[in-house]
Amino acid sequence: MPIDEKMVKFEQLAAKRTEKVLHSVALLANLSNTNVYHYKPEHVQQIFGAIEDAVAQVKQQFEPKATVEQAFSFSGISHEISEEEAAEAADDADEDSEDSDDEDAVR
């Protein structure tokens, strides 16, 4: 399907679906008539919270997608180590070499 046809189809469907949504919102407004209905502020908050969440999710789907993935890199980490960290690293290295000597003897 050519791009022009896709856009025409989009516009037709979007217009119909938007009209349905607007009609439903108008029907929802009818519920505000306190001569006919009784409701609490919590009801209104939940109704509009659900609607706002749904609209936000759909709107996000129309946002352009990022095409370039960000490469991972470490940032804000100092390459300097304290004397204590250096001593621990040296001890760990000594233990590792002793462990490998033991493993060689077992084989």
PDB file of N, CA and C in Angstrom:
ATOM      1  N   MET A   1       0.855  -1.174   0.000  1.00  0.00           N
ATOM      2  CA  MET A   1       0.000   0.000   0.000  1.00  0.00           C
ATOM      3  C   MET A   1       0.898   1.234   0.000  1.00  0.00           C
ATOM      4  N   PRO A   2       0.727   2.130  -0.953  1.00  0.00           N
ATOM      5  CA  PRO A   2       1.540   3.362  -1.007  1.00  0.00           C
ATOM      6  C   PRO A   2       1.323   4.233   0.229  1.00  0.00           C
ATOM      7  N   ILE A   3       2.310   5.063   0.488  1.00  0.00           N
ATOM      8  CA  ILE A   3       2.274   5.920   1.680  1.00  0.00           C
ATOM      9  C   ILE A   3       1.033   6.813   1.691  1.00  0.00           C
ATOM     10  N   ASP A   4       0.663   7.374   0.535  1.00  0.00           N
ATOM     11  CA  ASP A   4      -0.514   8.251   0.480  1.00  0.00           C
ATOM     12  C   ASP A   4      -1.774   7.496   0.898  1.00  0.00           C
ATOM     13  N   GLU A   5      -1.906   6.249   0.444  1.00  0.00           N
ATOM     14  CA  GLU A   5      -3.071   5.448   0.803  1.00  0.00           C
ATOM     15  C   GLU A   5      -3.066   5.122   2.296  1.00  0.00           C
ATOM     16  N   LYS A   6      -1.880   4.862   2.839  1.00  0.00           N
ATOM     17  CA  LYS A   6      -1.769   4.565   4.270  1.00  0.00           C
ATOM     18  C   LYS A   6      -2.196   5.767   5.107  1.00  0.00           C
ATOM     19  N   MET A   7      -1.820   6.962   4.665  1.00  0.00           N
ATOM     20  CA  MET A   7      -2.194   8.157   5.409  1.00  0.00           C
ATOM     21  C   MET A   7      -3.694   8.407   5.323  1.00  0.00           C
ATOM     22  N   VAL A   8      -4.265   8.196   4.150  1.00  0.00           N
ATOM     23  CA  VAL A   8      -5.713   8.373   3.981  1.00  0.00           C
ATOM     24  C   VAL A   8      -6.445   7.398   4.898  1.00  0.00           C
ATOM     25  N   LYS A   9      -6.010   6.139   4.916  1.00  0.00           N
ATOM     26  CA  LYS A   9      -6.628   5.125   5.776  1.00  0.00           C
ATOM     27  C   LYS A   9      -6.482   5.509   7.249  1.00  0.00           C
ATOM     28  N   PHE A  10      -5.297   5.993   7.630  1.00  0.00           N
ATOM     29  CA  PHE A  10      -5.069   6.444   9.003  1.00  0.00           C
ATOM     30  C   PHE A  10      -6.049   7.550   9.368  1.00  0.00           C
ATOM     31  N   GLU A  11      -6.168   8.549   8.499  1.00  0.00           N
ATOM     32  CA  GLU A  11      -7.040   9.687   8.777  1.00  0.00           C
ATOM     33  C   GLU A  11      -8.502   9.258   8.902  1.00  0.00           C
ATOM     34  N   GLN A  12      -8.928   8.316   8.051  1.00  0.00           N
ATOM     35  CA  GLN A  12     -10.315   7.846   8.118  1.00  0.00           C
ATOM     36  C   GLN A  12     -10.583   7.134   9.441  1.00  0.00           C
ATOM     37  N   LEU A  13      -9.707   6.195   9.774  1.00  0.00           N
ATOM     38  CA  LEU A  13      -9.895   5.454  11.022  1.00  0.00           C
ATOM     39  C   LEU A  13      -9.733   6.345  12.244  1.00  0.00           C
ATOM     40  N   ALA A  14      -8.753   7.229  12.224  1.00  0.00           N
ATOM     41  CA  ALA A  14      -8.512   8.117  13.363  1.00  0.00           C
ATOM     42  C   ALA A  14      -9.708   9.031  13.594  1.00  0.00           C
ATOM     43  N   ALA A  15     -10.303   9.538  12.514  1.00  0.00           N
ATOM     44  CA  ALA A  15     -11.467  10.423  12.646  1.00  0.00           C
ATOM     45  C   ALA A  15     -12.638   9.671  13.279  1.00  0.00           C
ATOM     46  N   LYS A  16     -12.910   8.446  12.793  1.00  0.00           N
ATOM     47  CA  LYS A  16     -14.019   7.660  13.339  1.00  0.00           C
ATOM     48  C   LYS A  16     -13.790   7.322  14.810  1.00  0.00           C
ATOM     49  N   ARG A  17     -12.576   6.885  15.113  1.00  0.00           N
ATOM     50  CA  ARG A  17     -12.284   6.471  16.487  1.00  0.00           C
ATOM     51  C   ARG A  17     -12.267   7.655  17.444  1.00  0.00           C
ATOM     52  N   THR A  18     -11.778   8.798  16.975  1.00  0.00           N
ATOM     53  CA  THR A  18     -11.768  10.000  17.810  1.00  0.00           C
ATOM     54  C   THR A  18     -13.201  10.457  18.090  1.00  0.00           C
ATOM     55  N   GLU A  19     -14.058  10.388  17.090  1.00  0.00           N
ATOM     56  CA  GLU A  19     -15.467  10.742  17.287  1.00  0.00           C
ATOM     57  C   GLU A  19     -16.117   9.836  18.328  1.00  0.00           C
ATOM     58  N   LYS A  20     -15.804   8.540  18.292  1.00  0.00           N
ATOM     59  CA  LYS A  20     -16.353   7.611  19.283  1.00  0.00           C
ATOM     60  C   LYS A  20     -15.893   7.970  20.692  1.00  0.00           C
ATOM     61  N   VAL A  21     -14.607   8.308  20.818  1.00  0.00           N
ATOM     62  CA  VAL A  21     -14.063   8.675  22.128  1.00  0.00           C
ATOM     63  C   VAL A  21     -14.752   9.939  22.638  1.00  0.00           C
ATOM     64  N   LEU A  22     -14.866  10.947  21.781  1.00  0.00           N
ATOM     65  CA  LEU A  22     -15.505  12.205  22.181  1.00  0.00           C
ATOM     66  C   LEU A  22     -16.965  11.991  22.562  1.00  0.00           C
ATOM     67  N   HIS A  23     -17.646  11.107  21.835  1.00  0.00           N
ATOM     68  CA  HIS A  23     -19.044  10.787  22.163  1.00  0.00           C
ATOM     69  C   HIS A  23     -19.126  10.125  23.538  1.00  0.00           C
ATOM     70  N   SER A  24     -18.208   9.205  23.808  1.00  0.00           N
ATOM     71  CA  SER A  24     -18.187   8.538  25.115  1.00  0.00           C
ATOM     72  C   SER A  24     -17.903   9.512  26.246  1.00  0.00           C
ATOM     73  N   VAL A  25     -17.034  10.473  25.998  1.00  0.00           N
ATOM     74  CA  VAL A  25     -16.740  11.491  27.013  1.00  0.00           C
ATOM     75  C   VAL A  25     -18.001  12.324  27.276  1.00  0.00           C
ATOM     76  N   ALA A  26     -18.725  12.656  26.214  1.00  0.00           N
ATOM     77  CA  ALA A  26     -19.973  13.420  26.385  1.00  0.00           C
ATOM     78  C   ALA A  26     -20.980  12.611  27.207  1.00  0.00           C
ATOM     79  N   LEU A  27     -21.063  11.312  26.966  1.00  0.00           N
ATOM     80  CA  LEU A  27     -21.957  10.465  27.756  1.00  0.00           C
ATOM     81  C   LEU A  27     -21.518  10.422  29.212  1.00  0.00           C
ATOM     82  N   LEU A  28     -20.232  10.387  29.424  1.00  0.00           N
ATOM     83  CA  LEU A  28     -19.698  10.393  30.783  1.00  0.00           C
ATOM     84  C   LEU A  28     -20.098  11.683  31.499  1.00  0.00           C
ATOM     85  N   ALA A  29     -20.094  12.783  30.771  1.00  0.00           N
ATOM     86  CA  ALA A  29     -20.476  14.072  31.368  1.00  0.00           C
ATOM     87  C   ALA A  29     -21.905  14.040  31.896  1.00  0.00           C
ATOM     88  N   ASN A  30     -22.752  13.238  31.273  1.00  0.00           N
ATOM     89  CA  ASN A  30     -24.138  13.128  31.747  1.00  0.00           C
ATOM     90  C   ASN A  30     -24.214  12.608  33.177  1.00  0.00           C
ATOM     91  N   LEU A  31     -23.221  11.841  33.592  1.00  0.00           N
ATOM     92  CA  LEU A  31     -23.211  11.292  34.944  1.00  0.00           C
ATOM     93  C   LEU A  31     -22.994  12.362  36.019  1.00  0.00           C
ATOM     94  N   SER A  32     -22.624  13.556  35.613  1.00  0.00           N
ATOM     95  CA  SER A  32     -22.390  14.628  36.588  1.00  0.00           C
ATOM     96  C   SER A  32     -23.691  15.256  37.084  1.00  0.00           C
ATOM     97  N   ASN A  33     -24.805  14.865  36.534  1.00  0.00           N
ATOM     98  CA  ASN A  33     -26.117  15.409  36.921  1.00  0.00           C
ATOM     99  C   ASN A  33     -26.495  14.870  38.303  1.00  0.00           C
ATOM    100  N   THR A  34     -26.386  15.722  39.323  1.00  0.00           N
ATOM    101  CA  THR A  34     -26.647  15.295  40.699  1.00  0.00           C
ATOM    102  C   THR A  34     -28.133  15.139  40.999  1.00  0.00           C
ATOM    103  N   ASN A  35     -28.999  15.575  40.103  1.00  0.00           N
ATOM    104  CA  ASN A  35     -30.430  15.326  40.279  1.00  0.00           C
ATOM    105  C   ASN A  35     -30.761  13.860  39.986  1.00  0.00           C
ATOM    106  N   VAL A  36     -29.914  13.206  39.241  1.00  0.00           N
ATOM    107  CA  VAL A  36     -30.153  11.818  38.842  1.00  0.00           C
ATOM    108  C   VAL A  36     -29.179  10.860  39.522  1.00  0.00           C
ATOM    109  N   TYR A  37     -27.935  11.302  39.746  1.00  0.00           N
ATOM    110  CA  TYR A  37     -26.889  10.421  40.257  1.00  0.00           C
ATOM    111  C   TYR A  37     -26.268  10.992  41.527  1.00  0.00           C
ATOM    112  N   HIS A  38     -25.792  10.080  42.374  1.00  0.00           N
ATOM    113  CA  HIS A  38     -25.049  10.478  43.566  1.00  0.00           C
ATOM    114  C   HIS A  38     -23.659   9.839  43.453  1.00  0.00           C
ATOM    115  N   TYR A  39     -22.619  10.631  43.698  1.00  0.00           N
ATOM    116  CA  TYR A  39     -21.250  10.136  43.601  1.00  0.00           C
ATOM    117  C   TYR A  39     -20.376  10.924  44.553  1.00  0.00           C
ATOM    118  N   LYS A  40     -19.222  10.378  44.817  1.00  0.00           N
ATOM    119  CA  LYS A  40     -18.255  11.008  45.705  1.00  0.00           C
ATOM    120  C   LYS A  40     -17.083  11.529  44.874  1.00  0.00           C
ATOM    121  N   PRO A  41     -16.319  12.468  45.423  1.00  0.00           N
ATOM    122  CA  PRO A  41     -15.129  12.959  44.714  1.00  0.00           C
ATOM    123  C   PRO A  41     -14.162  11.827  44.348  1.00  0.00           C
ATOM    124  N   GLU A  42     -14.112  10.799  45.184  1.00  0.00           N
ATOM    125  CA  GLU A  42     -13.238   9.663  44.906  1.00  0.00           C
ATOM    126  C   GLU A  42     -13.637   8.963  43.602  1.00  0.00           C
ATOM    127  N   HIS A  43     -14.948   8.888  43.344  1.00  0.00           N
ATOM    128  CA  HIS A  43     -15.419   8.302  42.089  1.00  0.00           C
ATOM    129  C   HIS A  43     -14.870   9.091  40.899  1.00  0.00           C
ATOM    130  N   VAL A  44     -14.991  10.407  40.993  1.00  0.00           N
ATOM    131  CA  VAL A  44     -14.539  11.274  39.900  1.00  0.00           C
ATOM    132  C   VAL A  44     -13.034  11.136  39.707  1.00  0.00           C
ATOM    133  N   GLN A  45     -12.290  11.113  40.811  1.00  0.00           N
ATOM    134  CA  GLN A  45     -10.829  10.961  40.729  1.00  0.00           C
ATOM    135  C   GLN A  45     -10.447   9.648  40.044  1.00  0.00           C
ATOM    136  N   GLN A  46     -11.134   8.577  40.390  1.00  0.00           N
ATOM    137  CA  GLN A  46     -10.816   7.285  39.783  1.00  0.00           C
ATOM    138  C   GLN A  46     -11.177   7.252  38.300  1.00  0.00           C
ATOM    139  N   ILE A  47     -12.306   7.824  37.945  1.00  0.00           N
ATOM    140  CA  ILE A  47     -12.709   7.865  36.534  1.00  0.00           C
ATOM    141  C   ILE A  47     -11.667   8.604  35.711  1.00  0.00           C
ATOM    142  N   PHE A  48     -11.357   9.824  36.131  1.00  0.00           N
ATOM    143  CA  PHE A  48     -10.433  10.639  35.334  1.00  0.00           C
ATOM    144  C   PHE A  48      -8.990  10.153  35.435  1.00  0.00           C
ATOM    145  N   GLY A  49      -8.635   9.538  36.539  1.00  0.00           N
ATOM    146  CA  GLY A  49      -7.307   8.929  36.645  1.00  0.00           C
ATOM    147  C   GLY A  49      -7.143   7.819  35.621  1.00  0.00           C
ATOM    148  N   ALA A  50      -8.168   6.979  35.498  1.00  0.00           N
ATOM    149  CA  ALA A  50      -8.117   5.884  34.523  1.00  0.00           C
ATOM    150  C   ALA A  50      -8.062   6.424  33.099  1.00  0.00           C
ATOM    151  N   ILE A  51      -8.853   7.443  32.819  1.00  0.00           N
ATOM    152  CA  ILE A  51      -8.867   8.034  31.475  1.00  0.00           C
ATOM    153  C   ILE A  51      -7.524   8.681  31.163  1.00  0.00           C
ATOM    154  N   GLU A  52      -6.992   9.453  32.096  1.00  0.00           N
ATOM    155  CA  GLU A  52      -5.710  10.126  31.870  1.00  0.00           C
ATOM    156  C   GLU A  52      -4.581   9.128  31.674  1.00  0.00           C
ATOM    157  N   ASP A  53      -4.589   8.029  32.444  1.00  0.00           N
ATOM    158  CA  ASP A  53      -3.563   6.994  32.283  1.00  0.00           C
ATOM    159  C   ASP A  53      -3.645   6.366  30.900  1.00  0.00           C
ATOM    160  N   ALA A  54      -4.866   6.051  30.463  1.00  0.00           N
ATOM    161  CA  ALA A  54      -5.046   5.424  29.151  1.00  0.00           C
ATOM    162  C   ALA A  54      -4.608   6.366  28.039  1.00  0.00           C
ATOM    163  N   VAL A  55      -4.961   7.641  28.140  1.00  0.00           N
ATOM    164  CA  VAL A  55      -4.570   8.616  27.120  1.00  0.00           C
ATOM    165  C   VAL A  55      -3.055   8.767  27.091  1.00  0.00           C
ATOM    166  N   ALA A  56      -2.417   8.810  28.249  1.00  0.00           N
ATOM    167  CA  ALA A  56      -0.957   8.946  28.307  1.00  0.00           C
ATOM    168  C   ALA A  56      -0.268   7.747  27.655  1.00  0.00           C
ATOM    169  N   GLN A  57      -0.788   6.543  27.897  1.00  0.00           N
ATOM    170  CA  GLN A  57      -0.190   5.347  27.300  1.00  0.00           C
ATOM    171  C   GLN A  57      -0.320   5.361  25.783  1.00  0.00           C
ATOM    172  N   VAL A  58      -1.498   5.720  25.294  1.00  0.00           N
ATOM    173  CA  VAL A  58      -1.703   5.744  23.849  1.00  0.00           C
ATOM    174  C   VAL A  58      -0.879   6.857  23.217  1.00  0.00           C
ATOM    175  N   LYS A  59      -0.836   8.009  23.864  1.00  0.00           N
ATOM    176  CA  LYS A  59      -0.059   9.130  23.331  1.00  0.00           C
ATOM    177  C   LYS A  59       1.412   8.763  23.220  1.00  0.00           C
ATOM    178  N   GLN A  60       1.909   8.026  24.192  1.00  0.00           N
ATOM    179  CA  GLN A  60       3.313   7.610  24.182  1.00  0.00           C
ATOM    180  C   GLN A  60       3.600   6.708  22.978  1.00  0.00           C
ATOM    181  N   GLN A  61       2.617   5.919  22.558  1.00  0.00           N
ATOM    182  CA  GLN A  61       2.811   5.050  21.405  1.00  0.00           C
ATOM    183  C   GLN A  61       2.996   5.847  20.117  1.00  0.00           C
ATOM    184  N   PHE A  62       2.524   7.084  20.093  1.00  0.00           N
ATOM    185  CA  PHE A  62       2.670   7.929  18.912  1.00  0.00           C
ATOM    186  C   PHE A  62       3.985   8.708  18.910  1.00  0.00           C
ATOM    187  N   GLU A  63       4.720   8.682  20.030  1.00  0.00           N
ATOM    188  CA  GLU A  63       5.997   9.381  20.110  1.00  0.00           C
ATOM    189  C   GLU A  63       7.030   8.647  19.262  1.00  0.00           C
ATOM    190  N   PRO A  64       7.934   9.394  18.622  1.00  0.00           N
ATOM    191  CA  PRO A  64       8.972   8.732  17.818  1.00  0.00           C
ATOM    192  C   PRO A  64       9.841   7.839  18.695  1.00  0.00           C
ATOM    193  N   LYS A  65      10.169   6.686  18.177  1.00  0.00           N
ATOM    194  CA  LYS A  65      11.011   5.739  18.904  1.00  0.00           C
ATOM    195  C   LYS A  65      12.472   6.110  18.690  1.00  0.00           C
ATOM    196  N   ALA A  66      13.265   5.959  19.715  1.00  0.00           N
ATOM    197  CA  ALA A  66      14.700   6.212  19.598  1.00  0.00           C
ATOM    198  C   ALA A  66      15.296   5.094  18.740  1.00  0.00           C
ATOM    199  N   THR A  67      16.022   5.470  17.720  1.00  0.00           N
ATOM    200  CA  THR A  67      16.591   4.465  16.819  1.00  0.00           C
ATOM    201  C   THR A  67      18.022   4.106  17.178  1.00  0.00           C
ATOM    202  N   VAL A  68      18.695   4.955  17.913  1.00  0.00           N
ATOM    203  CA  VAL A  68      20.087   4.693  18.288  1.00  0.00           C
ATOM    204  C   VAL A  68      20.111   4.273  19.746  1.00  0.00           C
ATOM    205  N   GLU A  69      20.655   3.093  19.991  1.00  0.00           N
ATOM    206  CA  GLU A  69      20.776   2.634  21.368  1.00  0.00           C
ATOM    207  C   GLU A  69      21.986   3.284  22.009  1.00  0.00           C
ATOM    208  N   GLN A  70      21.852   3.648  23.255  1.00  0.00           N
ATOM    209  CA  GLN A  70      22.958   4.251  23.981  1.00  0.00           C
ATOM    210  C   GLN A  70      23.926   3.153  24.408  1.00  0.00           C
ATOM    211  N   ALA A  71      25.189   3.377  24.189  1.00  0.00           N
ATOM    212  CA  ALA A  71      26.209   2.440  24.629  1.00  0.00           C
ATOM    213  C   ALA A  71      26.411   2.617  26.130  1.00  0.00           C
ATOM    214  N   PHE A  72      26.643   1.517  26.816  1.00  0.00           N
ATOM    215  CA  PHE A  72      26.870   1.575  28.257  1.00  0.00           C
ATOM    216  C   PHE A  72      28.290   2.033  28.530  1.00  0.00           C
ATOM    217  N   SER A  73      28.434   2.881  29.540  1.00  0.00           N
ATOM    218  CA  SER A  73      29.764   3.253  30.004  1.00  0.00           C
ATOM    219  C   SER A  73      29.660   3.643  31.469  1.00  0.00           C
ATOM    220  N   PHE A  74      30.744   3.414  32.181  1.00  0.00           N
ATOM    221  CA  PHE A  74      30.798   3.823  33.579  1.00  0.00           C
ATOM    222  C   PHE A  74      31.092   5.315  33.627  1.00  0.00           C
ATOM    223  N   SER A  75      30.445   5.998  34.545  1.00  0.00           N
ATOM    224  CA  SER A  75      30.739   7.423  34.682  1.00  0.00           C
ATOM    225  C   SER A  75      30.746   7.795  36.162  1.00  0.00           C
ATOM    226  N   GLY A  76      31.545   8.764  36.479  1.00  0.00           N
ATOM    227  CA  GLY A  76      31.591   9.272  37.844  1.00  0.00           C
ATOM    228  C   GLY A  76      32.291   8.361  38.832  1.00  0.00           C
ATOM    229  N   ILE A  77      33.039   7.397  38.350  1.00  0.00           N
ATOM    230  CA  ILE A  77      33.756   6.496  39.251  1.00  0.00           C
ATOM    231  C   ILE A  77      35.235   6.835  39.166  1.00  0.00           C
ATOM    232  N   SER A  78      35.819   7.118  40.314  1.00  0.00           N
ATOM    233  CA  SER A  78      37.235   7.460  40.375  1.00  0.00           C
ATOM    234  C   SER A  78      38.070   6.216  40.140  1.00  0.00           C
ATOM    235  N   HIS A  79      39.165   6.378  39.424  1.00  0.00           N
ATOM    236  CA  HIS A  79      40.087   5.276  39.195  1.00  0.00           C
ATOM    237  C   HIS A  79      41.117   5.155  40.318  1.00  0.00           C
ATOM    238  N   GLU A  80      41.085   6.095  41.211  1.00  0.00           N
ATOM    239  CA  GLU A  80      42.021   6.065  42.326  1.00  0.00           C
ATOM    240  C   GLU A  80      41.483   5.135  43.401  1.00  0.00           C
ATOM    241  N   ILE A  81      42.372   4.379  44.035  1.00  0.00           N
ATOM    242  CA  ILE A  81      41.956   3.522  45.134  1.00  0.00           C
ATOM    243  C   ILE A  81      42.740   3.901  46.383  1.00  0.00           C
ATOM    244  N   SER A  82      42.120   3.655  47.515  1.00  0.00           N
ATOM    245  CA  SER A  82      42.777   3.985  48.775  1.00  0.00           C
ATOM    246  C   SER A  82      43.850   2.939  49.074  1.00  0.00           C
ATOM    247  N   GLU A  83      44.709   3.263  50.043  1.00  0.00           N
ATOM    248  CA  GLU A  83      45.764   2.320  50.434  1.00  0.00           C
ATOM    249  C   GLU A  83      45.142   1.030  50.955  1.00  0.00           C
ATOM    250  N   GLU A  84      44.049   1.161  51.683  1.00  0.00           N
ATOM    251  CA  GLU A  84      43.360  -0.012  52.239  1.00  0.00           C
ATOM    252  C   GLU A  84      42.835  -0.911  51.112  1.00  0.00           C
ATOM    253  N   GLU A  85      42.228  -0.306  50.090  1.00  0.00           N
ATOM    254  CA  GLU A  85      41.716  -1.084  48.956  1.00  0.00           C
ATOM    255  C   GLU A  85      42.866  -1.771  48.202  1.00  0.00           C
ATOM    256  N   ALA A  86      43.990  -1.077  48.075  1.00  0.00           N
ATOM    257  CA  ALA A  86      45.152  -1.651  47.398  1.00  0.00           C
ATOM    258  C   ALA A  86      45.674  -2.852  48.181  1.00  0.00           C
ATOM    259  N   ALA A  87      45.711  -2.731  49.517  1.00  0.00           N
ATOM    260  CA  ALA A  87      46.195  -3.831  50.351  1.00  0.00           C
ATOM    261  C   ALA A  87      45.252  -5.033  50.247  1.00  0.00           C
ATOM    262  N   GLU A  88      43.932  -4.780  50.241  1.00  0.00           N
ATOM    263  CA  GLU A  88      42.958  -5.868  50.109  1.00  0.00           C
ATOM    264  C   GLU A  88      43.106  -6.558  48.758  1.00  0.00           C
ATOM    265  N   ALA A  89      43.299  -5.787  47.711  1.00  0.00           N
ATOM    266  CA  ALA A  89      43.471  -6.356  46.377  1.00  0.00           C
ATOM    267  C   ALA A  89      44.722  -7.230  46.323  1.00  0.00           C
ATOM    268  N   ALA A  90      45.782  -6.780  46.961  1.00  0.00           N
ATOM    269  CA  ALA A  90      47.026  -7.552  46.987  1.00  0.00           C
ATOM    270  C   ALA A  90      46.825  -8.850  47.761  1.00  0.00           C
ATOM    271  N   ASP A  91      46.116  -8.789  48.897  1.00  0.00           N
ATOM    272  CA  ASP A  91      45.834  -9.989  49.685  1.00  0.00           C
ATOM    273  C   ASP A  91      45.000 -10.977  48.877  1.00  0.00           C
ATOM    274  N   ASP A  92      43.986 -10.480  48.178  1.00  0.00           N
ATOM    275  CA  ASP A  92      43.132 -11.341  47.347  1.00  0.00           C
ATOM    276  C   ASP A  92      43.941 -12.008  46.251  1.00  0.00           C
ATOM    277  N   ALA A  93      44.853 -11.268  45.647  1.00  0.00           N
ATOM    278  CA  ALA A  93      45.690 -11.823  44.579  1.00  0.00           C
ATOM    279  C   ALA A  93      46.585 -12.922  45.129  1.00  0.00           C
ATOM    280  N   ASP A  94      47.127 -12.706  46.337  1.00  0.00           N
ATOM    281  CA  ASP A  94      47.979 -13.727  46.956  1.00  0.00           C
ATOM    282  C   ASP A  94      47.175 -14.989  47.248  1.00  0.00           C
ATOM    283  N   GLU A  95      45.933 -14.816  47.759  1.00  0.00           N
ATOM    284  CA  GLU A  95      45.080 -15.963  48.075  1.00  0.00           C
ATOM    285  C   GLU A  95      44.721 -16.722  46.802  1.00  0.00           C
ATOM    286  N   ASP A  96      44.444 -16.000  45.731  1.00  0.00           N
ATOM    287  CA  ASP A  96      44.092 -16.641  44.466  1.00  0.00           C
ATOM    288  C   ASP A  96      45.247 -17.471  43.936  1.00  0.00           C
ATOM    289  N   SER A  97      46.467 -16.962  44.040  1.00  0.00           N
ATOM    290  CA  SER A  97      47.628 -17.714  43.533  1.00  0.00           C
ATOM    291  C   SER A  97      47.877 -18.939  44.405  1.00  0.00           C
ATOM    292  N   GLU A  98      47.648 -18.843  45.705  1.00  0.00           N
ATOM    293  CA  GLU A  98      47.807 -19.997  46.593  1.00  0.00           C
ATOM    294  C   GLU A  98      46.768 -21.057  46.257  1.00  0.00           C
ATOM    295  N   ASP A  99      45.508 -20.628  45.979  1.00  0.00           N
ATOM    296  CA  ASP A  99      44.439 -21.553  45.634  1.00  0.00           C
ATOM    297  C   ASP A  99      44.762 -22.297  44.336  1.00  0.00           C
ATOM    298  N   SER A 100      45.313 -21.591  43.372  1.00  0.00           N
ATOM    299  CA  SER A 100      45.630 -22.249  42.098  1.00  0.00           C
ATOM    300  C   SER A 100      46.780 -23.230  42.274  1.00  0.00           C
ATOM    301  N   ASP A 101      47.722 -22.951  43.204  1.00  0.00           N
ATOM    302  CA  ASP A 101      48.797 -23.884  43.479  1.00  0.00           C
ATOM    303  C   ASP A 101      48.239 -25.166  44.096  1.00  0.00           C
ATOM    304  N   ASP A 102      47.252 -25.016  45.005  1.00  0.00           N
ATOM    305  CA  ASP A 102      46.617 -26.160  45.637  1.00  0.00           C
ATOM    306  C   ASP A 102      45.868 -27.015  44.625  1.00  0.00           C
ATOM    307  N   GLU A 103      45.190 -26.366  43.684  1.00  0.00           N
ATOM    308  CA  GLU A 103      44.434 -27.080  42.667  1.00  0.00           C
ATOM    309  C   GLU A 103      45.375 -27.888  41.777  1.00  0.00           C
ATOM    310  N   ASP A 104      46.554 -27.325  41.457  1.00  0.00           N
ATOM    311  CA  ASP A 104      47.515 -28.024  40.630  1.00  0.00           C
ATOM    312  C   ASP A 104      48.003 -29.292  41.350  1.00  0.00           C
ATOM    313  N   ALA A 105      48.156 -29.215  42.660  1.00  0.00           N
ATOM    314  CA  ALA A 105      48.644 -30.351  43.433  1.00  0.00           C
ATOM    315  C   ALA A 105      47.593 -31.451  43.481  1.00  0.00           C
ATOM    316  N   VAL A 106      46.326 -31.124  43.481  1.00  0.00           N
ATOM    317  CA  VAL A 106      45.257 -32.105  43.574  1.00  0.00           C
ATOM    318  C   VAL A 106      45.122 -32.873  42.273  1.00  0.00           C
ATOM    319  N   ARG A 107      45.378 -32.245  41.156  1.00  0.00           N
ATOM    320  CA  ARG A 107      45.198 -32.875  39.850  1.00  0.00           C
ATOM    321  C   ARG A 107      46.151 -33.956  39.665  1.00  0.00           C
TER     322      ARG A 107
END
